[in-house]
Amino acid sequence: MFDKNWNLQTYNSADDDGNYFIDRNPDCFAILLDLLRTGELYIPFNIPKKLLHREALFYGLLDNVL
């Protein structure tokens, strides 16, 4: 997501220590991180699929959740 082809917005830029703060949905982030770790997608019943779709689009992972 940090390659030069990804449109990183300035409000998500690194701080002085090189850390990035990405202000997105933490519940969906946990699901997508688990997907990247395991290769399996598990969507809890309390997460709307439309919300997860939007977050996957943001992170460039849409192909992994369809």
PDB file of N, CA and C in Angstrom:
ATOM      1  N   MET A   1       0.802  -1.182   0.000  1.00  0.00           N
ATOM      2  CA  MET A   1       0.000   0.000   0.000  1.00  0.00           C
ATOM      3  C   MET A   1       0.853   1.257   0.000  1.00  0.00           C
ATOM      4  N   PHE A   2       2.118   1.156   0.294  1.00  0.00           N
ATOM      5  CA  PHE A   2       2.967   2.341   0.335  1.00  0.00           C
ATOM      6  C   PHE A   2       3.857   2.466  -0.899  1.00  0.00           C
ATOM      7  N   ASP A   3       3.552   1.713  -1.953  1.00  0.00           N
ATOM      8  CA  ASP A   3       4.366   1.895  -3.152  1.00  0.00           C
ATOM      9  C   ASP A   3       3.980   3.204  -3.832  1.00  0.00           C
ATOM     10  N   LYS A   4       4.763   3.629  -4.791  1.00  0.00           N
ATOM     11  CA  LYS A   4       4.535   4.945  -5.382  1.00  0.00           C
ATOM     12  C   LYS A   4       3.274   5.014  -6.240  1.00  0.00           C
ATOM     13  N   ASN A   5       2.678   3.856  -6.568  1.00  0.00           N
ATOM     14  CA  ASN A   5       1.448   3.845  -7.340  1.00  0.00           C
ATOM     15  C   ASN A   5       0.210   3.999  -6.468  1.00  0.00           C
ATOM     16  N   TRP A   6       0.374   3.896  -5.155  1.00  0.00           N
ATOM     17  CA  TRP A   6      -0.767   4.026  -4.255  1.00  0.00           C
ATOM     18  C   TRP A   6      -0.933   5.494  -3.914  1.00  0.00           C
ATOM     19  N   ASN A   7      -2.136   5.977  -3.961  1.00  0.00           N
ATOM     20  CA  ASN A   7      -2.401   7.396  -3.736  1.00  0.00           C
ATOM     21  C   ASN A   7      -2.517   7.675  -2.232  1.00  0.00           C
ATOM     22  N   LEU A   8      -1.413   7.769  -1.547  1.00  0.00           N
ATOM     23  CA  LEU A   8      -1.390   8.016  -0.109  1.00  0.00           C
ATOM     24  C   LEU A   8      -1.734   9.471   0.156  1.00  0.00           C
ATOM     25  N   GLN A   9      -2.777   9.692   0.937  1.00  0.00           N
ATOM     26  CA  GLN A   9      -3.218  11.050   1.239  1.00  0.00           C
ATOM     27  C   GLN A   9      -2.274  11.688   2.259  1.00  0.00           C
ATOM     28  N   THR A  10      -2.151  12.994   2.214  1.00  0.00           N
ATOM     29  CA  THR A  10      -1.217  13.693   3.094  1.00  0.00           C
ATOM     30  C   THR A  10      -1.601  13.554   4.561  1.00  0.00           C
ATOM     31  N   TYR A  11      -2.893  13.397   4.883  1.00  0.00           N
ATOM     32  CA  TYR A  11      -3.270  13.263   6.281  1.00  0.00           C
ATOM     33  C   TYR A  11      -2.870  11.902   6.842  1.00  0.00           C
ATOM     34  N   ASN A  12      -2.432  10.982   5.993  1.00  0.00           N
ATOM     35  CA  ASN A  12      -1.954   9.677   6.426  1.00  0.00           C
ATOM     36  C   ASN A  12      -0.433   9.580   6.363  1.00  0.00           C
ATOM     37  N   SER A  13       0.250  10.692   6.212  1.00  0.00           N
ATOM     38  CA  SER A  13       1.691  10.649   6.010  1.00  0.00           C
ATOM     39  C   SER A  13       2.428  10.309   7.300  1.00  0.00           C
ATOM     40  N   ALA A  14       3.684   9.939   7.149  1.00  0.00           N
ATOM     41  CA  ALA A  14       4.502   9.502   8.277  1.00  0.00           C
ATOM     42  C   ALA A  14       4.838  10.660   9.202  1.00  0.00           C
ATOM     43  N   ASP A  15       5.032  10.319  10.475  1.00  0.00           N
ATOM     44  CA  ASP A  15       5.488  11.324  11.426  1.00  0.00           C
ATOM     45  C   ASP A  15       7.015  11.407  11.379  1.00  0.00           C
ATOM     46  N   ASP A  16       7.612  12.137  12.275  1.00  0.00           N
ATOM     47  CA  ASP A  16       9.061  12.330  12.271  1.00  0.00           C
ATOM     48  C   ASP A  16       9.844  11.029  12.458  1.00  0.00           C
ATOM     49  N   ASP A  17       9.225  10.019  13.078  1.00  0.00           N
ATOM     50  CA  ASP A  17       9.889   8.734  13.303  1.00  0.00           C
ATOM     51  C   ASP A  17       9.612   7.725  12.197  1.00  0.00           C
ATOM     52  N   GLY A  18       8.862   8.125  11.168  1.00  0.00           N
ATOM     53  CA  GLY A  18       8.544   7.230  10.073  1.00  0.00           C
ATOM     54  C   GLY A  18       7.330   6.352  10.321  1.00  0.00           C
ATOM     55  N   ASN A  19       6.585   6.640  11.397  1.00  0.00           N
ATOM     56  CA  ASN A  19       5.378   5.880  11.706  1.00  0.00           C
ATOM     57  C   ASN A  19       4.189   6.461  10.951  1.00  0.00           C
ATOM     58  N   TYR A  20       3.305   5.593  10.491  1.00  0.00           N
ATOM     59  CA  TYR A  20       2.108   6.026   9.791  1.00  0.00           C
ATOM     60  C   TYR A  20       0.891   5.856  10.685  1.00  0.00           C
ATOM     61  N   PHE A  21       0.003   6.820  10.655  1.00  0.00           N
ATOM     62  CA  PHE A  21      -1.278   6.725  11.336  1.00  0.00           C
ATOM     63  C   PHE A  21      -2.347   6.684  10.254  1.00  0.00           C
ATOM     64  N   ILE A  22      -3.085   5.598  10.204  1.00  0.00           N
ATOM     65  CA  ILE A  22      -4.145   5.446   9.221  1.00  0.00           C
ATOM     66  C   ILE A  22      -5.459   5.382   9.986  1.00  0.00           C
ATOM     67  N   ASP A  23      -6.265   6.394   9.827  1.00  0.00           N
ATOM     68  CA  ASP A  23      -7.508   6.509  10.578  1.00  0.00           C
ATOM     69  C   ASP A  23      -8.640   5.845   9.803  1.00  0.00           C
ATOM     70  N   ARG A  24      -8.734   4.521   9.946  1.00  0.00           N
ATOM     71  CA  ARG A  24      -9.763   3.732   9.273  1.00  0.00           C
ATOM     72  C   ARG A  24     -10.463   2.854  10.294  1.00  0.00           C
ATOM     73  N   ASN A  25     -11.427   2.080   9.860  1.00  0.00           N
ATOM     74  CA  ASN A  25     -12.209   1.240  10.746  1.00  0.00           C
ATOM     75  C   ASN A  25     -11.349   0.127  11.353  1.00  0.00           C
ATOM     76  N   PRO A  26     -11.171   0.116  12.673  1.00  0.00           N
ATOM     77  CA  PRO A  26     -10.286  -0.878  13.298  1.00  0.00           C
ATOM     78  C   PRO A  26     -10.838  -2.298  13.244  1.00  0.00           C
ATOM     79  N   ASP A  27     -12.157  -2.455  13.253  1.00  0.00           N
ATOM     80  CA  ASP A  27     -12.732  -3.799  13.174  1.00  0.00           C
ATOM     81  C   ASP A  27     -12.446  -4.433  11.817  1.00  0.00           C
ATOM     82  N   CYS A  28     -12.614  -3.665  10.765  1.00  0.00           N
ATOM     83  CA  CYS A  28     -12.329  -4.168   9.426  1.00  0.00           C
ATOM     84  C   CYS A  28     -10.831  -4.381   9.239  1.00  0.00           C
ATOM     85  N   PHE A  29     -10.024  -3.509   9.814  1.00  0.00           N
ATOM     86  CA  PHE A  29      -8.574  -3.674   9.711  1.00  0.00           C
ATOM     87  C   PHE A  29      -8.148  -5.020  10.295  1.00  0.00           C
ATOM     88  N   ALA A  30      -8.727  -5.388  11.430  1.00  0.00           N
ATOM     89  CA  ALA A  30      -8.385  -6.667  12.051  1.00  0.00           C
ATOM     90  C   ALA A  30      -8.759  -7.834  11.139  1.00  0.00           C
ATOM     91  N   ILE A  31      -9.900  -7.745  10.471  1.00  0.00           N
ATOM     92  CA  ILE A  31     -10.331  -8.803   9.554  1.00  0.00           C
ATOM     93  C   ILE A  31      -9.376  -8.897   8.370  1.00  0.00           C
ATOM     94  N   LEU A  32      -9.017  -7.754   7.802  1.00  0.00           N
ATOM     95  CA  LEU A  32      -8.138  -7.746   6.637  1.00  0.00           C
ATOM     96  C   LEU A  32      -6.719  -8.164   7.008  1.00  0.00           C
ATOM     97  N   LEU A  33      -6.269  -7.790   8.181  1.00  0.00           N
ATOM     98  CA  LEU A  33      -4.950  -8.227   8.641  1.00  0.00           C
ATOM     99  C   LEU A  33      -4.932  -9.740   8.832  1.00  0.00           C
ATOM    100  N   ASP A  34      -6.001 -10.283   9.401  1.00  0.00           N
ATOM    101  CA  ASP A  34      -6.107 -11.730   9.557  1.00  0.00           C
ATOM    102  C   ASP A  34      -6.118 -12.425   8.199  1.00  0.00           C
ATOM    103  N   LEU A  35      -6.789 -11.842   7.225  1.00  0.00           N
ATOM    104  CA  LEU A  35      -6.797 -12.374   5.868  1.00  0.00           C
ATOM    105  C   LEU A  35      -5.375 -12.450   5.305  1.00  0.00           C
ATOM    106  N   LEU A  36      -4.609 -11.394   5.491  1.00  0.00           N
ATOM    107  CA  LEU A  36      -3.240 -11.379   4.988  1.00  0.00           C
ATOM    108  C   LEU A  36      -2.357 -12.392   5.715  1.00  0.00           C
ATOM    109  N   ARG A  37      -2.613 -12.595   6.979  1.00  0.00           N
ATOM    110  CA  ARG A  37      -1.817 -13.549   7.766  1.00  0.00           C
ATOM    111  C   ARG A  37      -2.145 -14.995   7.421  1.00  0.00           C
ATOM    112  N   THR A  38      -3.434 -15.289   7.224  1.00  0.00           N
ATOM    113  CA  THR A  38      -3.858 -16.682   7.091  1.00  0.00           C
ATOM    114  C   THR A  38      -4.240 -17.092   5.671  1.00  0.00           C
ATOM    115  N   GLY A  39      -4.573 -16.113   4.841  1.00  0.00           N
ATOM    116  CA  GLY A  39      -5.055 -16.425   3.509  1.00  0.00           C
ATOM    117  C   GLY A  39      -6.527 -16.808   3.497  1.00  0.00           C
ATOM    118  N   GLU A  40      -7.186 -16.721   4.653  1.00  0.00           N
ATOM    119  CA  GLU A  40      -8.600 -17.050   4.767  1.00  0.00           C
ATOM    120  C   GLU A  40      -9.377 -15.822   5.223  1.00  0.00           C
ATOM    121  N   LEU A  41     -10.564 -15.670   4.675  1.00  0.00           N
ATOM    122  CA  LEU A  41     -11.419 -14.536   5.034  1.00  0.00           C
ATOM    123  C   LEU A  41     -12.540 -15.013   5.936  1.00  0.00           C
ATOM    124  N   TYR A  42     -12.590 -14.479   7.131  1.00  0.00           N
ATOM    125  CA  TYR A  42     -13.680 -14.737   8.064  1.00  0.00           C
ATOM    126  C   TYR A  42     -14.320 -13.402   8.398  1.00  0.00           C
ATOM    127  N   ILE A  43     -15.597 -13.262   8.098  1.00  0.00           N
ATOM    128  CA  ILE A  43     -16.322 -12.025   8.373  1.00  0.00           C
ATOM    129  C   ILE A  43     -17.304 -12.284   9.509  1.00  0.00           C
ATOM    130  N   PRO A  44     -17.077 -11.701  10.678  1.00  0.00           N
ATOM    131  CA  PRO A  44     -18.028 -11.866  11.781  1.00  0.00           C
ATOM    132  C   PRO A  44     -19.407 -11.330  11.409  1.00  0.00           C
ATOM    133  N   PHE A  45     -20.434 -11.877  12.029  1.00  0.00           N
ATOM    134  CA  PHE A  45     -21.813 -11.503  11.695  1.00  0.00           C
ATOM    135  C   PHE A  45     -22.106 -10.032  11.955  1.00  0.00           C
ATOM    136  N   ASN A  46     -21.351  -9.393  12.839  1.00  0.00           N
ATOM    137  CA  ASN A  46     -21.627  -7.990  13.186  1.00  0.00           C
ATOM    138  C   ASN A  46     -20.934  -6.980  12.270  1.00  0.00           C
ATOM    139  N   ILE A  47     -20.214  -7.439  11.263  1.00  0.00           N
ATOM    140  CA  ILE A  47     -19.532  -6.540  10.327  1.00  0.00           C
ATOM    141  C   ILE A  47     -20.301  -6.525   9.009  1.00  0.00           C
ATOM    142  N   PRO A  48     -20.856  -5.391   8.620  1.00  0.00           N
ATOM    143  CA  PRO A  48     -21.555  -5.317   7.336  1.00  0.00           C
ATOM    144  C   PRO A  48     -20.589  -5.547   6.172  1.00  0.00           C
ATOM    145  N   LYS A  49     -20.987  -6.379   5.237  1.00  0.00           N
ATOM    146  CA  LYS A  49     -20.113  -6.693   4.094  1.00  0.00           C
ATOM    147  C   LYS A  49     -19.798  -5.448   3.264  1.00  0.00           C
ATOM    148  N   LYS A  50     -20.746  -4.524   3.200  1.00  0.00           N
ATOM    149  CA  LYS A  50     -20.511  -3.289   2.447  1.00  0.00           C
ATOM    150  C   LYS A  50     -19.382  -2.470   3.094  1.00  0.00           C
ATOM    151  N   LEU A  51     -19.340  -2.450   4.415  1.00  0.00           N
ATOM    152  CA  LEU A  51     -18.279  -1.745   5.128  1.00  0.00           C
ATOM    153  C   LEU A  51     -16.926  -2.408   4.871  1.00  0.00           C
ATOM    154  N   LEU A  52     -16.877  -3.731   4.949  1.00  0.00           N
ATOM    155  CA  LEU A  52     -15.627  -4.453   4.696  1.00  0.00           C
ATOM    156  C   LEU A  52     -15.175  -4.246   3.249  1.00  0.00           C
ATOM    157  N   HIS A  53     -16.122  -4.219   2.327  1.00  0.00           N
ATOM    158  CA  HIS A  53     -15.818  -3.969   0.915  1.00  0.00           C
ATOM    159  C   HIS A  53     -15.143  -2.611   0.753  1.00  0.00           C
ATOM    160  N   ARG A  54     -15.700  -1.587   1.414  1.00  0.00           N
ATOM    161  CA  ARG A  54     -15.125  -0.238   1.327  1.00  0.00           C
ATOM    162  C   ARG A  54     -13.708  -0.197   1.876  1.00  0.00           C
ATOM    163  N   GLU A  55     -13.478  -0.861   3.005  1.00  0.00           N
ATOM    164  CA  GLU A  55     -12.145  -0.862   3.608  1.00  0.00           C
ATOM    165  C   GLU A  55     -11.156  -1.664   2.761  1.00  0.00           C
ATOM    166  N   ALA A  56     -11.610  -2.781   2.206  1.00  0.00           N
ATOM    167  CA  ALA A  56     -10.743  -3.575   1.330  1.00  0.00           C
ATOM    168  C   ALA A  56     -10.350  -2.764   0.098  1.00  0.00           C
ATOM    169  N   LEU A  57     -11.280  -1.983  -0.419  1.00  0.00           N
ATOM    170  CA  LEU A  57     -10.983  -1.103  -1.550  1.00  0.00           C
ATOM    171  C   LEU A  57      -9.912  -0.092  -1.172  1.00  0.00           C
ATOM    172  N   PHE A  58     -10.025   0.513   0.001  1.00  0.00           N
ATOM    173  CA  PHE A  58      -9.049   1.495   0.469  1.00  0.00           C
ATOM    174  C   PHE A  58      -7.648   0.891   0.543  1.00  0.00           C
ATOM    175  N   TYR A  59      -7.545  -0.333   1.071  1.00  0.00           N
ATOM    176  CA  TYR A  59      -6.245  -0.973   1.249  1.00  0.00           C
ATOM    177  C   TYR A  59      -5.746  -1.706   0.019  1.00  0.00           C
ATOM    178  N   GLY A  60      -6.500  -1.684  -1.059  1.00  0.00           N
ATOM    179  CA  GLY A  60      -6.077  -2.365  -2.284  1.00  0.00           C
ATOM    180  C   GLY A  60      -6.209  -3.874  -2.182  1.00  0.00           C
ATOM    181  N   LEU A  61      -7.151  -4.351  -1.378  1.00  0.00           N
ATOM    182  CA  LEU A  61      -7.334  -5.784  -1.154  1.00  0.00           C
ATOM    183  C   LEU A  61      -8.672  -6.282  -1.682  1.00  0.00           C
ATOM    184  N   LEU A  62      -9.300  -5.523  -2.524  1.00  0.00           N
ATOM    185  CA  LEU A  62     -10.637  -5.872  -2.975  1.00  0.00           C
ATOM    186  C   LEU A  62     -10.674  -7.241  -3.652  1.00  0.00           C
ATOM    187  N   ASP A  63      -9.667  -7.578  -4.435  1.00  0.00           N
ATOM    188  CA  ASP A  63      -9.633  -8.894  -5.096  1.00  0.00           C
ATOM    189  C   ASP A  63      -9.620 -10.031  -4.086  1.00  0.00           C
ATOM    190  N   ASN A  64      -9.142  -9.782  -2.882  1.00  0.00           N
ATOM    191  CA  ASN A  64      -9.054 -10.824  -1.860  1.00  0.00           C
ATOM    192  C   ASN A  64     -10.361 -11.045  -1.114  1.00  0.00           C
ATOM    193  N   VAL A  65     -11.289 -10.122  -1.198  1.00  0.00           N
ATOM    194  CA  VAL A  65     -12.527 -10.265  -0.438  1.00  0.00           C
ATOM    195  C   VAL A  65     -13.746 -10.547  -1.312  1.00  0.00           C
ATOM    196  N   LEU A  66     -13.584 -10.566  -2.617  1.00  0.00           N
ATOM    197  CA  LEU A  66     -14.715 -10.851  -3.509  1.00  0.00           C
ATOM    198  C   LEU A  66     -14.909 -12.337  -3.655  1.00  0.00           C
TER     199      LEU A  66
END
